[in-house]
Amino acid sequence: MDVLSEVLAICRAERAVTARFHLSAPWGLHSNGVSGAAMIRMARGAPWWVEAAGGGGPLRVEPGDLVMMPLGAAHRMGSAPDAPTVPFAQLLTQRTPGARDEAPLDLRHGGGGEGCEMFSALLWFSAYCRHSVLSVLPPLIHVRASELPTAVILAASMETLVTETLDQRPGWRLSASRMGELLLINILRGHLLRGAGPVEANWWRGLSDPAIARAIAAMHREPARSWTVETLAREAAMSRSRFSDRFKALVGDTPMGYLGGHRMALAAEQLEAGHLPLAQVAQDAGYESDKVFARAFRRWSGLSPTAYAKHEVARRTAMTDPHTASAGD
């Protein structure tokens, strides 16, 4: 059973912003981060160093390695762990006029020494992916080319993603988003296969247990079904009490608590899209009453469904503002 596909099936990149940096030692850059956006970087040439807030000390990154910050953490990087840094925003003065989020970036920085060509993509994912997938990942994921057989292919895909956008051929925006989704899936798969999942309990750990994984997959396939602990335990081929204890130990939540969070994340996805009436969103989430659903959604998000939708409209407007973050930030 391919449970990871079940979990990631509805992860969609809403848009991608890309950049290519021609860096030469000594060089150093720092960013305040881009909240809620996944950032992926890969470089050819000289090794480099990266340090993300909450992600431990400086990390040496070899050519062809991939680095991902799932939720756009603040970070610094450079040709050496102690290299002086300048803000990414300072490089943006090199770019051509126009809205910062419209065109890919192609920038130069550094002191003229050993070279490093870096390819970068900033990916805004839909609500479900942000709330249920990216939020449980560490601030920094490092996929080493030396440890993963497919790393060479992933690095080539990353380079292609960026160069395709720089050429701006017809369909480049959609192509970048879809390639970004594929990169995310493969980076997470590599992270999981290396046994590098989070230490704390969450769905990621739940996938390591075949029985619990079957129950998780069932909830993802039929989120609106009238599940009970008993019916989920049958999916896992376990007794009710053993299933409940095992699920809580691995996932960090009760089976019904996890199901409720999954339903709310799916509802948030629909609310952001804005295509369905509230009653339909409630029904799809397994609620017969939109009032009961609204109360549950407020407990989950802190906002009513209507307020959440308005908040997301404002967020999307900010994403297209000329002063919003680019792939360099």
Protein backbone atom coordinates (compact mmCIF):
# COMPACT_ATOMS: atom_id res chain seq x y z
CA MET A 1 0.00 0.00 0.00
CA ASP A 2 1.40 3.38 -1.03
CA VAL A 3 0.22 5.42 1.95
CA LEU A 4 2.51 8.37 1.24
CA SER A 5 0.68 8.86 -2.06
CA GLU A 6 -2.62 8.77 -0.15
CA VAL A 7 -1.42 11.55 2.14
CA LEU A 8 0.19 13.72 -0.55
CA ALA A 9 -2.46 13.18 -3.24
CA ILE A 10 -4.10 16.58 -2.84
CA CYS A 11 -0.95 18.63 -2.21
CA ARG A 12 -0.96 21.28 -4.92
CA ALA A 13 1.44 24.12 -5.57
CA GLU A 14 -0.53 27.31 -6.21
CA ARG A 15 2.44 29.09 -7.72
CA ALA A 16 6.20 28.93 -7.93
CA VAL A 17 8.77 31.71 -8.02
CA THR A 18 12.26 30.78 -9.13
CA ALA A 19 15.76 32.22 -9.15
CA ARG A 20 19.27 31.45 -10.35
CA PHE A 21 22.21 32.90 -8.43
CA HIS A 22 25.75 33.15 -9.77
CA LEU A 23 27.73 33.21 -6.51
CA SER A 24 31.48 33.58 -6.04
CA ALA A 25 33.47 33.30 -2.83
CA PRO A 26 33.44 34.92 -0.45
CA TRP A 27 29.66 35.31 -0.39
CA GLY A 28 26.91 35.26 2.21
CA LEU A 29 23.17 35.96 2.21
CA HIS A 30 20.47 36.00 4.85
CA SER A 31 16.68 35.98 4.76
CA ASN A 32 13.95 36.64 7.30
CA GLY A 33 12.06 33.78 5.70
CA VAL A 34 8.77 33.54 3.83
CA SER A 35 6.07 32.24 6.15
CA GLY A 36 4.02 29.37 4.74
CA ALA A 37 6.08 28.85 1.58
CA ALA A 38 8.33 25.87 0.88
CA MET A 39 11.79 26.84 -0.30
CA ILE A 40 14.02 24.43 -2.26
CA ARG A 41 17.66 25.11 -3.18
CA MET A 42 20.29 23.18 -5.16
CA ALA A 43 23.72 24.30 -6.33
CA ARG A 44 26.45 23.27 -8.74
CA GLY A 45 30.13 24.09 -8.28
CA ALA A 46 31.61 24.77 -4.86
CA PRO A 47 30.14 23.44 -1.60
CA TRP A 48 28.19 25.92 0.53
CA TRP A 49 26.78 26.28 4.03
CA VAL A 50 23.25 26.88 5.29
CA GLU A 51 21.73 27.49 8.73
CA ALA A 52 17.97 27.73 9.34
CA ALA A 53 16.21 29.06 12.43
CA GLY A 54 15.40 26.09 14.62
CA GLY A 55 17.33 23.73 12.36
CA GLY A 56 20.59 23.38 14.28
CA GLY A 57 24.05 24.70 13.47
CA PRO A 58 25.57 25.47 10.05
CA LEU A 59 25.26 22.58 7.59
CA ARG A 60 27.70 21.88 4.77
CA VAL A 61 25.90 21.28 1.47
CA GLU A 62 27.69 19.50 -1.36
CA PRO A 63 27.10 20.15 -5.08
CA GLY A 64 23.94 18.37 -6.24
CA ASP A 65 22.47 18.11 -2.74
CA LEU A 66 18.96 19.48 -2.24
CA VAL A 67 17.93 21.62 0.71
CA MET A 68 14.29 22.31 1.56
CA MET A 69 12.81 24.63 4.17
CA PRO A 70 9.19 23.34 4.23
CA LEU A 71 7.66 26.47 5.75
CA GLY A 72 10.14 29.11 4.61
CA ALA A 73 12.15 29.47 7.83
CA ALA A 74 14.51 32.39 8.32
CA HIS A 75 18.00 31.29 7.28
CA ARG A 76 21.51 32.32 6.31
CA MET A 77 23.86 30.73 3.80
CA GLY A 78 27.31 31.36 2.45
CA SER A 79 30.58 30.10 1.01
CA ALA A 80 31.79 29.42 4.57
CA PRO A 81 29.95 28.91 7.89
CA ASP A 82 31.20 32.26 9.20
CA ALA A 83 30.94 34.24 5.95
CA PRO A 84 29.54 37.77 6.43
CA THR A 85 26.05 38.04 4.97
CA VAL A 86 23.94 40.66 3.26
CA PRO A 87 20.13 40.55 2.99
CA PHE A 88 18.61 38.91 -0.06
CA ALA A 89 16.63 42.10 -0.61
CA GLN A 90 19.87 43.88 -1.43
CA LEU A 91 20.35 41.60 -4.45
CA LEU A 92 16.89 42.40 -5.72
CA THR A 93 18.03 45.87 -6.73
CA GLN A 94 19.77 44.09 -9.66
CA ARG A 95 16.55 42.79 -11.12
CA THR A 96 14.66 44.34 -13.99
CA PRO A 97 11.74 46.65 -13.22
CA GLY A 98 8.32 45.13 -12.66
CA ALA A 99 6.39 43.23 -10.04
CA ARG A 100 8.84 41.22 -7.97
CA ASP A 101 6.70 38.11 -8.05
CA GLU A 102 6.12 37.96 -11.80
CA ALA A 103 9.42 37.03 -13.41
CA PRO A 104 12.20 34.62 -12.40
CA LEU A 105 15.37 36.13 -10.98
CA ASP A 106 18.88 35.80 -12.42
CA LEU A 107 21.35 37.49 -10.07
CA ARG A 108 25.07 37.71 -9.26
CA HIS A 109 26.78 38.13 -5.91
CA GLY A 110 30.16 37.58 -4.28
CA GLY A 111 33.82 38.42 -4.26
CA GLY A 112 34.99 36.81 -7.51
CA GLY A 113 36.49 33.60 -6.07
CA GLU A 114 35.39 29.98 -6.38
CA GLY A 115 32.01 29.81 -8.10
CA CYS A 116 28.67 28.33 -7.07
CA GLU A 117 25.60 28.37 -9.32
CA MET A 118 22.47 28.07 -7.19
CA PHE A 119 18.96 27.20 -8.35
CA SER A 120 16.11 28.19 -6.06
CA ALA A 121 12.33 27.77 -6.02
CA LEU A 122 9.78 29.23 -3.65
CA LEU A 123 6.53 27.24 -3.68
CA TRP A 124 3.19 28.30 -2.21
CA PHE A 125 1.16 25.18 -1.46
CA SER A 126 -2.56 24.82 -0.85
CA ALA A 127 -4.13 24.81 2.61
CA TYR A 128 -4.21 21.06 3.11
CA CYS A 129 -0.53 20.67 2.34
CA ARG A 130 0.46 23.55 4.63
CA HIS A 131 -1.65 22.40 7.57
CA SER A 132 -1.29 18.62 7.36
CA VAL A 133 2.02 17.92 5.63
CA LEU A 134 4.53 20.75 5.79
CA SER A 135 3.68 21.77 9.36
CA VAL A 136 5.03 18.52 10.85
CA LEU A 137 8.39 18.64 9.06
CA PRO A 138 11.64 19.99 10.51
CA PRO A 139 12.70 23.56 9.57
CA LEU A 140 15.43 22.21 7.27
CA ILE A 141 15.60 19.01 5.21
CA HIS A 142 18.89 18.05 3.55
CA VAL A 143 18.84 15.42 0.78
CA ARG A 144 22.42 14.35 0.16
CA ALA A 145 23.33 13.27 -3.36
CA SER A 146 25.71 10.69 -1.87
CA GLU A 147 22.93 8.95 0.10
CA LEU A 148 20.00 8.81 -2.30
CA PRO A 149 20.20 7.04 -5.68
CA THR A 150 17.62 9.37 -7.23
CA ALA A 151 19.32 12.55 -5.97
CA VAL A 152 21.05 13.08 -9.32
CA ILE A 153 17.68 13.02 -11.07
CA LEU A 154 16.17 15.38 -8.48
CA ALA A 155 19.05 17.83 -8.87
CA ALA A 156 18.62 17.77 -12.65
CA SER A 157 14.87 18.34 -12.20
CA MET A 158 15.54 21.31 -9.96
CA GLU A 159 17.91 22.84 -12.51
CA THR A 160 15.39 22.22 -15.30
CA LEU A 161 12.59 23.82 -13.29
CA VAL A 162 14.57 27.04 -12.93
CA THR A 163 16.00 27.22 -16.44
CA GLU A 164 12.55 26.54 -17.94
CA THR A 165 11.14 29.53 -16.08
CA LEU A 166 14.06 31.75 -17.08
CA ASP A 167 13.27 31.00 -20.73
CA GLN A 168 9.60 31.89 -20.02
CA ARG A 169 8.24 29.73 -22.77
CA PRO A 170 4.44 29.31 -22.97
CA GLY A 171 3.09 27.47 -19.94
CA TRP A 172 6.14 28.11 -17.77
CA ARG A 173 4.14 29.13 -14.70
CA LEU A 174 2.07 25.94 -14.65
CA SER A 175 5.09 23.82 -15.47
CA ALA A 176 7.03 25.30 -12.54
CA SER A 177 4.18 24.59 -10.13
CA ARG A 178 3.80 20.98 -11.23
CA MET A 179 7.54 20.32 -11.19
CA GLY A 180 7.64 21.86 -7.72
CA GLU A 181 5.03 19.33 -6.56
CA LEU A 182 7.09 16.46 -7.93
CA LEU A 183 10.21 17.76 -6.19
CA LEU A 184 8.34 18.00 -2.90
CA ILE A 185 7.08 14.42 -3.19
CA ASN A 186 10.51 13.04 -4.02
CA ILE A 187 12.31 15.04 -1.34
CA LEU A 188 9.85 13.80 1.28
CA ARG A 189 10.17 10.23 -0.01
CA GLY A 190 13.94 10.43 0.25
CA HIS A 191 13.64 11.92 3.72
CA LEU A 192 11.32 9.08 4.78
CA LEU A 193 13.40 6.29 3.23
CA ARG A 194 16.49 7.53 5.06
CA GLY A 195 14.61 7.16 8.34
CA ALA A 196 14.99 10.88 8.90
CA GLY A 197 11.40 11.58 9.87
CA PRO A 198 10.53 13.78 12.83
CA VAL A 199 11.17 12.32 16.29
CA GLU A 200 7.92 13.67 17.72
CA ALA A 201 4.66 11.81 17.21
CA ASN A 202 2.65 12.73 14.09
CA TRP A 203 1.25 11.13 10.91
CA TRP A 204 4.78 10.85 9.54
CA ARG A 205 5.68 8.40 12.31
CA GLY A 206 2.33 6.67 11.85
CA LEU A 207 3.32 5.68 8.32
CA SER A 208 6.16 3.60 9.75
CA ASP A 209 3.64 1.13 11.19
CA PRO A 210 1.80 -0.87 8.46
CA ALA A 211 -1.35 -1.32 10.54
CA ILE A 212 -1.64 2.33 11.55
CA ALA A 213 -0.75 3.34 7.99
CA ARG A 214 -3.74 1.35 6.70
CA ALA A 215 -6.06 3.26 9.01
CA ILE A 216 -4.57 6.61 7.97
CA ALA A 217 -4.95 5.68 4.30
CA ALA A 218 -8.60 4.73 4.87
CA MET A 219 -9.34 8.11 6.47
CA HIS A 220 -7.68 9.90 3.57
CA ARG A 221 -9.63 7.93 0.97
CA GLU A 222 -13.03 8.50 2.60
CA PRO A 223 -12.81 11.50 4.95
CA ALA A 224 -16.58 12.05 5.12
CA ARG A 225 -17.40 8.45 6.05
CA SER A 226 -18.92 7.94 9.52
CA TRP A 227 -15.76 6.45 10.97
CA THR A 228 -15.58 5.14 14.52
CA VAL A 229 -12.62 3.84 16.48
CA GLU A 230 -14.04 0.35 15.96
CA THR A 231 -14.25 0.60 12.17
CA LEU A 232 -10.78 2.13 11.95
CA ALA A 233 -9.40 -0.62 14.19
CA ARG A 234 -10.84 -3.16 11.74
CA GLU A 235 -8.99 -1.41 8.89
CA ALA A 236 -5.80 -1.86 10.93
CA ALA A 237 -6.72 -5.49 11.83
CA MET A 238 -6.23 -4.70 15.50
CA SER A 239 -8.33 -4.71 18.64
CA ARG A 240 -9.96 -1.39 19.54
CA SER A 241 -7.85 -0.77 22.64
CA ARG A 242 -4.54 -1.83 21.06
CA PHE A 243 -5.27 0.26 17.98
CA SER A 244 -6.13 3.35 20.04
CA ASP A 245 -3.00 3.05 22.16
CA ARG A 246 -0.71 2.41 19.20
CA PHE A 247 -2.23 5.22 17.13
CA LYS A 248 -1.86 7.74 19.97
CA ALA A 249 1.73 6.69 20.65
CA LEU A 250 2.80 7.08 17.02
CA VAL A 251 0.60 9.90 15.72
CA GLY A 252 0.31 11.91 18.93
CA ASP A 253 -3.47 12.18 18.66
CA THR A 254 -6.49 9.93 19.00
CA PRO A 255 -7.82 8.35 15.80
CA MET A 256 -10.90 10.57 15.90
CA GLY A 257 -8.81 13.63 16.72
CA TYR A 258 -6.60 12.97 13.70
CA LEU A 259 -9.66 12.44 11.51
CA GLY A 260 -11.13 15.74 12.69
CA GLY A 261 -7.92 17.61 11.87
CA HIS A 262 -7.75 15.97 8.47
CA ARG A 263 -11.32 16.99 7.72
CA MET A 264 -10.66 20.57 8.81
CA ALA A 265 -7.59 20.83 6.59
CA LEU A 266 -9.64 19.59 3.64
CA ALA A 267 -12.35 22.12 4.47
CA ALA A 268 -9.76 24.90 4.63
CA GLU A 269 -8.68 23.88 1.12
CA GLN A 270 -12.25 24.26 -0.15
CA LEU A 271 -12.79 27.54 1.69
CA GLU A 272 -9.65 28.99 0.12
CA ALA A 273 -10.84 27.93 -3.32
CA GLY A 274 -14.16 29.67 -2.66
CA HIS A 275 -16.14 27.61 -5.17
CA LEU A 276 -18.57 25.80 -2.84
CA PRO A 277 -21.28 26.98 -0.43
CA LEU A 278 -20.61 26.44 3.26
CA ALA A 279 -23.23 23.69 3.49
CA GLN A 280 -21.37 21.67 0.82
CA VAL A 281 -18.00 22.22 2.50
CA ALA A 282 -19.54 20.99 5.77
CA GLN A 283 -21.02 17.92 4.10
CA ASP A 284 -17.76 17.03 2.38
CA ALA A 285 -16.07 17.23 5.77
CA GLY A 286 -18.53 14.75 7.24
CA TYR A 287 -20.89 17.20 8.97
CA GLU A 288 -24.63 17.20 8.39
CA SER A 289 -25.01 20.70 9.87
CA ASP A 290 -23.04 23.70 8.67
CA LYS A 291 -23.48 25.26 12.14
CA VAL A 292 -21.84 22.29 13.85
CA PHE A 293 -19.12 22.37 11.23
CA ALA A 294 -18.56 26.11 11.75
CA ARG A 295 -18.05 25.59 15.49
CA ALA A 296 -15.59 22.76 14.85
CA PHE A 297 -13.71 24.83 12.28
CA ARG A 298 -13.42 27.77 14.69
CA ARG A 299 -11.97 25.47 17.36
CA TRP A 300 -9.44 24.20 14.83
CA SER A 301 -8.39 27.47 13.17
CA GLY A 302 -9.41 30.18 15.62
CA LEU A 303 -11.55 31.76 12.90
CA SER A 304 -15.04 31.20 11.57
CA PRO A 305 -15.17 29.70 8.05
CA THR A 306 -16.18 33.10 6.64
CA ALA A 307 -13.39 34.95 8.45
CA TYR A 308 -10.87 32.32 7.39
CA ALA A 309 -11.88 32.69 3.74
CA LYS A 310 -11.54 36.49 3.95
CA HIS A 311 -8.14 36.13 5.61
CA GLU A 312 -6.97 33.92 2.76
CA VAL A 313 -8.20 36.41 0.16
CA ALA A 314 -6.04 39.03 1.88
CA ARG A 315 -3.08 36.64 1.96
CA ARG A 316 -3.39 35.89 -1.75
CA THR A 317 -3.62 39.61 -2.51
CA ALA A 318 -0.42 40.16 -0.55
CA MET A 319 1.26 37.38 -2.54
CA THR A 320 0.76 39.35 -5.74
CA ASP A 321 1.77 42.72 -4.30
CA PRO A 322 5.03 44.12 -5.73
CA HIS A 323 6.49 44.14 -2.20
CA THR A 324 5.86 40.49 -1.42
CA ALA A 325 8.66 37.97 -1.16
CA SER A 326 10.45 36.54 -4.17
CA ALA A 327 12.45 33.36 -4.57
CA GLY A 328 15.47 35.25 -3.34
CA ASP A 329 13.99 35.95 0.09
